[in-house]
Amino acid sequence: MLVSAKEMLQKAKAGHYAVGQFNINNLEWTKAILLTAQEMNSPVILGVSEGAGKYMCGYKTIVGMVEGMIEGLGITVPVALHLDHGSYEGALKCIEAGFSSVMFDGSHYPIDENIAKTKELVALCNEKGISLEAEVGSIGGEEDGVIGAGECADPNECKMIADLGVTMLAAGIGNIHGKYPANWPGLSFETLDAIQQKTGAMPLVLHGGTGIPADMIAKAIDLGVSKINVNTECQLSFAAATRTYIEEGKDLQGKGFDPRKLLAPGTEAIKATVREKITLFGSANKA
């Protein structure tokens, strides 16, 4: 059964660790992440971008697949199914489809409009027991065609949004989606510290978890980050393992072309990446 991310993130914030949000792109991704979370006895958040939602034939299809898989694989750790960087309309659709958590990314609106729309969703999510993530200060890089420079959020605006009663807050601290450029100046811990001081017990979210050095991740968790999003890293490890399989000609041996065989090395590579992240975030045995 899917659960809201509220309790797992409040426990993470109090216990100084973070829960990983791993974005799913298809059946293999979902299965690899769920099995690894179960194996490590870790709570987990499955993230779905609006683009991935379209790719996987709509939010209802995803809810059906994830719920069926939780039952079919005997998954007992807490699992939240979360809309990543959702529009207002997308959030409503996911709530209707049965997601247990949604993100409304109003960071590109003027702060007043971000507040008004977030407020409406807070009321709706509270009524249905769904967790809600809001965003202040856009996260850099490219995600589904949205390109941002990785700006730092205004701590006062963060407090205004946190005070609306959202479950968790994504605040830009110089982090970006995708691969980090060689000249990236690093995370702004000064901004994170100021946000944490204003928002208190609110779990903070770090987007663009791929490629941030381990020591920076540890410091971010110390400063109140309780949820870290990973997507690109799983895609890269899946692609590398699949490339190796084909370059070694394994798809030409016997029934090596069978998709179950062809996709197996990539799926194992996703598991290895997720295992590494759960260890780094400190959420193992926290289910």
Protein backbone atom coordinates (compact mmCIF):
# COMPACT_ATOMS: atom_id res chain seq x y z
CA MET A 1 0.00 0.00 0.00
CA LEU A 2 1.28 3.46 -0.89
CA VAL A 3 1.88 5.91 1.96
CA SER A 4 2.29 9.67 2.19
CA ALA A 5 5.92 10.79 2.51
CA LYS A 6 5.12 12.86 5.61
CA GLU A 7 5.98 10.40 8.36
CA MET A 8 9.11 8.98 6.67
CA LEU A 9 10.48 12.50 6.14
CA GLN A 10 9.68 13.74 9.64
CA LYS A 11 11.52 10.69 11.02
CA ALA A 12 14.44 11.37 8.65
CA LYS A 13 14.67 15.02 9.70
CA ALA A 14 14.64 14.06 13.40
CA GLY A 15 17.14 11.23 12.83
CA HIS A 16 19.57 13.22 10.61
CA TYR A 17 19.36 11.03 7.53
CA ALA A 18 17.62 11.45 4.16
CA VAL A 19 15.15 9.36 2.18
CA GLY A 20 15.99 8.91 -1.49
CA GLN A 21 13.54 9.83 -4.21
CA PHE A 22 14.43 7.71 -7.21
CA ASN A 23 12.63 8.63 -10.41
CA ILE A 24 11.02 5.79 -12.32
CA ASN A 25 10.91 5.52 -16.10
CA ASN A 26 9.49 2.05 -16.73
CA LEU A 27 8.84 -1.38 -15.18
CA GLU A 28 12.54 -2.29 -14.80
CA TRP A 29 13.29 0.96 -12.96
CA THR A 30 10.38 0.51 -10.57
CA LYS A 31 11.18 -3.13 -9.83
CA ALA A 32 14.90 -2.43 -9.26
CA ILE A 33 14.20 0.43 -6.84
CA LEU A 34 11.51 -1.40 -4.86
CA LEU A 35 13.58 -4.59 -4.50
CA THR A 36 16.65 -2.64 -3.36
CA ALA A 37 14.67 -0.59 -0.80
CA GLN A 38 13.19 -3.82 0.56
CA GLU A 39 16.59 -5.55 0.65
CA MET A 40 18.05 -2.60 2.59
CA ASN A 41 14.97 -2.12 4.77
CA SER A 42 14.75 1.52 3.71
CA PRO A 43 11.74 3.77 3.12
CA VAL A 44 11.65 5.00 -0.48
CA ILE A 45 9.98 7.60 -2.69
CA LEU A 46 9.27 6.80 -6.34
CA GLY A 47 9.37 10.02 -8.38
CA VAL A 48 7.47 10.53 -11.61
CA SER A 49 8.02 13.59 -13.80
CA GLU A 50 5.16 14.75 -16.01
CA GLY A 51 7.16 13.62 -19.06
CA ALA A 52 7.67 10.15 -17.58
CA GLY A 53 3.97 10.11 -16.73
CA LYS A 54 3.09 10.59 -20.39
CA TYR A 55 5.69 8.03 -21.46
CA MET A 56 4.25 5.41 -19.10
CA CYS A 57 0.72 5.95 -20.48
CA GLY A 58 -0.69 8.18 -17.75
CA TYR A 59 -0.82 8.36 -13.97
CA LYS A 60 -3.48 5.66 -13.55
CA THR A 61 -1.24 3.16 -15.36
CA ILE A 62 1.62 4.05 -13.02
CA VAL A 63 -0.48 3.72 -9.87
CA GLY A 64 -1.70 0.31 -11.07
CA MET A 65 1.82 -0.88 -11.86
CA VAL A 66 3.33 0.32 -8.58
CA GLU A 67 0.52 -1.00 -6.37
CA GLY A 68 0.54 -4.32 -8.21
CA MET A 69 4.30 -4.57 -7.85
CA ILE A 70 4.28 -3.80 -4.12
CA GLU A 71 1.85 -6.68 -3.68
CA GLY A 72 3.50 -9.01 -6.21
CA LEU A 73 7.02 -8.55 -4.83
CA GLY A 74 5.93 -8.59 -1.18
CA ILE A 75 7.28 -5.10 -0.46
CA THR A 76 6.75 -4.12 3.19
CA VAL A 77 8.92 -0.98 3.50
CA PRO A 78 7.09 2.39 3.26
CA VAL A 79 6.71 3.49 -0.38
CA ALA A 80 5.46 6.91 -1.50
CA LEU A 81 4.54 7.56 -5.14
CA HIS A 82 5.36 11.20 -5.85
CA LEU A 83 4.83 13.61 -8.74
CA ASP A 84 8.13 15.39 -9.45
CA HIS A 85 8.11 19.07 -10.54
CA GLY A 86 4.38 19.03 -11.11
CA SER A 87 2.30 21.79 -12.62
CA TYR A 88 -0.87 22.76 -10.75
CA GLU A 89 -2.97 20.73 -13.24
CA GLY A 90 -0.55 17.79 -13.06
CA ALA A 91 -0.79 17.74 -9.26
CA LEU A 92 -4.60 17.60 -9.45
CA LYS A 93 -4.44 14.72 -11.97
CA CYS A 94 -2.05 12.72 -9.78
CA ILE A 95 -4.16 13.26 -6.67
CA GLU A 96 -7.14 11.96 -8.62
CA ALA A 97 -5.18 8.97 -9.99
CA GLY A 98 -4.13 7.80 -6.52
CA PHE A 99 -0.58 9.14 -6.01
CA SER A 100 0.29 9.38 -2.30
CA SER A 101 2.46 12.48 -2.68
CA VAL A 102 2.78 15.38 -5.13
CA MET A 103 5.11 18.25 -5.83
CA PHE A 104 3.78 21.54 -7.05
CA ASP A 105 6.61 23.51 -8.61
CA GLY A 106 5.43 27.11 -8.54
CA SER A 107 8.98 28.48 -8.48
CA HIS A 108 8.57 30.17 -11.89
CA TYR A 109 5.51 32.13 -10.74
CA PRO A 110 5.70 35.42 -8.83
CA ILE A 111 5.82 34.53 -5.11
CA ASP A 112 2.19 35.66 -4.51
CA GLU A 113 0.88 33.31 -7.17
CA ASN A 114 3.11 30.47 -5.93
CA ILE A 115 1.62 31.03 -2.45
CA ALA A 116 -2.01 31.16 -3.68
CA LYS A 117 -1.74 27.95 -5.71
CA THR A 118 0.25 26.13 -3.01
CA LYS A 119 -2.38 27.11 -0.42
CA GLU A 120 -5.17 25.51 -2.48
CA LEU A 121 -3.18 22.30 -2.85
CA VAL A 122 -2.36 22.21 0.90
CA ALA A 123 -6.09 22.12 1.67
CA LEU A 124 -6.76 19.40 -0.90
CA CYS A 125 -3.79 17.24 0.13
CA ASN A 126 -4.61 17.52 3.83
CA GLU A 127 -8.15 16.37 3.14
CA LYS A 128 -6.84 13.29 1.30
CA GLY A 129 -3.82 12.53 3.51
CA ILE A 130 -1.33 13.17 0.68
CA SER A 131 2.08 14.79 1.21
CA LEU A 132 2.88 17.99 -0.69
CA GLU A 133 6.24 19.36 -1.77
CA ALA A 134 6.61 23.01 -2.79
CA GLU A 135 9.54 24.79 -4.44
CA VAL A 136 11.13 28.19 -4.00
CA GLY A 137 13.99 29.39 -6.24
CA SER A 138 14.31 27.31 -9.38
CA ILE A 139 16.62 24.31 -9.52
CA GLY A 140 19.15 24.61 -12.34
CA GLY A 141 19.84 22.36 -15.29
CA GLU A 142 17.29 20.84 -17.61
CA GLU A 143 14.33 18.67 -16.66
CA ASP A 144 11.60 17.99 -19.20
CA GLY A 145 12.61 21.04 -21.19
CA VAL A 146 12.68 23.40 -18.20
CA ILE A 147 16.13 25.00 -18.00
CA GLY A 148 17.25 26.85 -14.87
CA ALA A 149 20.58 28.28 -13.79
CA GLY A 150 20.61 26.94 -10.23
CA GLU A 151 19.67 30.06 -8.33
CA CYS A 152 19.56 30.33 -4.55
CA ALA A 153 16.18 30.68 -2.88
CA ASP A 154 15.27 33.63 -0.65
CA PRO A 155 15.00 32.29 2.94
CA ASN A 156 12.11 34.67 3.71
CA GLU A 157 10.13 33.38 0.73
CA CYS A 158 10.90 29.83 1.91
CA LYS A 159 9.38 30.66 5.28
CA MET A 160 6.25 32.11 3.62
CA ILE A 161 5.72 28.86 1.68
CA ALA A 162 6.64 26.59 4.63
CA ASP A 163 4.13 28.40 6.82
CA LEU A 164 1.29 27.41 4.44
CA GLY A 165 1.52 23.88 5.82
CA VAL A 166 3.32 22.02 3.03
CA THR A 167 4.99 18.73 4.01
CA MET A 168 8.41 19.46 2.54
CA LEU A 169 10.21 22.24 0.79
CA ALA A 170 12.58 22.19 -2.18
CA ALA A 171 14.76 25.26 -2.10
CA GLY A 172 17.38 26.13 -4.70
CA ILE A 173 20.86 26.20 -3.14
CA GLY A 174 22.91 26.21 -6.34
CA ASN A 175 21.98 22.61 -7.19
CA ILE A 176 21.14 21.57 -10.75
CA HIS A 177 19.52 18.66 -12.58
CA GLY A 178 21.63 16.37 -14.74
CA LYS A 179 25.42 16.29 -14.84
CA TYR A 180 27.25 19.08 -13.03
CA PRO A 181 29.58 21.24 -15.17
CA ALA A 182 33.31 21.30 -14.36
CA ASN A 183 33.10 24.92 -13.14
CA TRP A 184 30.16 24.34 -10.73
CA PRO A 185 30.79 26.39 -7.58
CA GLY A 186 29.16 23.81 -5.25
CA LEU A 187 26.17 23.99 -2.93
CA SER A 188 25.51 27.19 -1.01
CA PHE A 189 25.46 25.94 2.59
CA GLU A 190 25.05 29.51 3.75
CA THR A 191 21.67 29.66 1.98
CA LEU A 192 20.69 26.21 3.26
CA ASP A 193 21.57 27.16 6.83
CA ALA A 194 19.54 30.39 6.59
CA ILE A 195 16.53 28.49 5.15
CA GLN A 196 16.75 25.81 7.84
CA GLN A 197 16.80 28.47 10.56
CA LYS A 198 13.61 30.04 9.16
CA THR A 199 11.73 26.82 8.44
CA GLY A 200 12.57 24.84 11.58
CA ALA A 201 11.24 21.27 11.56
CA MET A 202 10.23 21.36 7.89
CA PRO A 203 11.97 18.57 5.92
CA LEU A 204 14.03 20.15 3.12
CA VAL A 205 14.52 18.59 -0.31
CA LEU A 206 17.68 18.50 -2.40
CA HIS A 207 17.00 18.14 -6.13
CA GLY A 208 19.73 17.18 -8.59
CA GLY A 209 21.37 14.60 -6.31
CA THR A 210 23.43 13.12 -9.17
CA GLY A 211 27.08 14.04 -8.97
CA ILE A 212 27.05 16.05 -5.73
CA PRO A 213 30.15 14.88 -3.80
CA ALA A 214 29.50 12.64 -0.76
CA ASP A 215 30.87 15.16 1.76
CA MET A 216 28.48 17.84 0.45
CA ILE A 217 25.58 15.39 0.71
CA ALA A 218 26.51 14.62 4.34
CA LYS A 219 26.72 18.33 5.16
CA ALA A 220 23.37 19.03 3.49
CA ILE A 221 21.74 16.28 5.58
CA ASP A 222 23.28 17.83 8.71
CA LEU A 223 21.66 21.13 7.73
CA GLY A 224 18.15 19.70 7.47
CA VAL A 225 17.89 18.03 4.05
CA SER A 226 15.66 14.97 4.53
CA LYS A 227 14.87 14.02 0.92
CA ILE A 228 17.35 13.75 -1.94
CA ASN A 229 16.28 13.24 -5.56
CA VAL A 230 18.23 10.98 -7.90
CA ASN A 231 17.40 10.35 -11.55
CA THR A 232 20.27 10.96 -13.97
CA GLU A 233 22.69 8.68 -12.11
CA CYS A 234 20.39 5.65 -12.49
CA GLN A 235 19.94 6.48 -16.18
CA LEU A 236 23.70 6.68 -16.72
CA SER A 237 24.42 3.38 -14.94
CA PHE A 238 21.58 1.64 -16.81
CA ALA A 239 22.89 2.94 -20.15
CA ALA A 240 26.50 1.94 -19.42
CA ALA A 241 25.60 -1.64 -18.44
CA THR A 242 23.31 -2.03 -21.47
CA ARG A 243 26.02 -0.68 -23.78
CA THR A 244 28.54 -3.20 -22.40
CA TYR A 245 26.11 -6.10 -22.89
CA ILE A 246 25.55 -5.19 -26.55
CA GLU A 247 29.16 -4.28 -27.30
CA GLU A 248 30.24 -7.68 -25.97
CA GLY A 249 27.80 -9.24 -28.45
CA LYS A 250 25.78 -10.95 -25.72
CA ASP A 251 22.52 -10.10 -27.46
CA LEU A 252 23.71 -12.33 -30.34
CA GLN A 253 24.45 -15.36 -28.14
CA GLY A 254 21.61 -17.85 -27.73
CA LYS A 255 18.49 -15.97 -26.70
CA GLY A 256 20.47 -12.95 -25.56
CA PHE A 257 18.12 -10.70 -27.52
CA ASP A 258 15.22 -11.61 -25.20
CA PRO A 259 14.31 -8.28 -23.50
CA ARG A 260 14.40 -9.97 -20.10
CA LYS A 261 18.04 -10.86 -20.73
CA LEU A 262 18.89 -7.68 -22.63
CA LEU A 263 17.60 -5.41 -19.85
CA ALA A 264 18.89 -7.48 -16.90
CA PRO A 265 22.41 -5.96 -16.66
CA GLY A 266 20.97 -2.42 -16.76
CA THR A 267 18.43 -3.32 -14.08
CA GLU A 268 21.20 -4.71 -11.85
CA ALA A 269 23.17 -1.49 -12.44
CA ILE A 270 20.20 0.58 -11.22
CA LYS A 271 20.05 -1.61 -8.09
CA ALA A 272 23.75 -0.99 -7.43
CA THR A 273 23.28 2.78 -7.80
CA VAL A 274 20.24 2.81 -5.48
CA ARG A 275 22.11 0.66 -2.93
CA GLU A 276 25.01 3.13 -2.96
CA LYS A 277 22.66 6.11 -2.50
CA ILE A 278 20.63 4.54 0.32
CA THR A 279 23.93 3.86 2.14
CA LEU A 280 25.13 7.43 1.52
CA PHE A 281 21.81 8.97 2.64
CA GLY A 282 21.73 6.84 5.82
CA SER A 283 18.20 5.47 5.34
CA ALA A 284 19.09 1.74 5.46
CA ASN A 285 17.24 -0.09 8.26
CA LYS A 286 15.08 2.97 8.89
CA ALA A 287 11.87 1.41 7.53
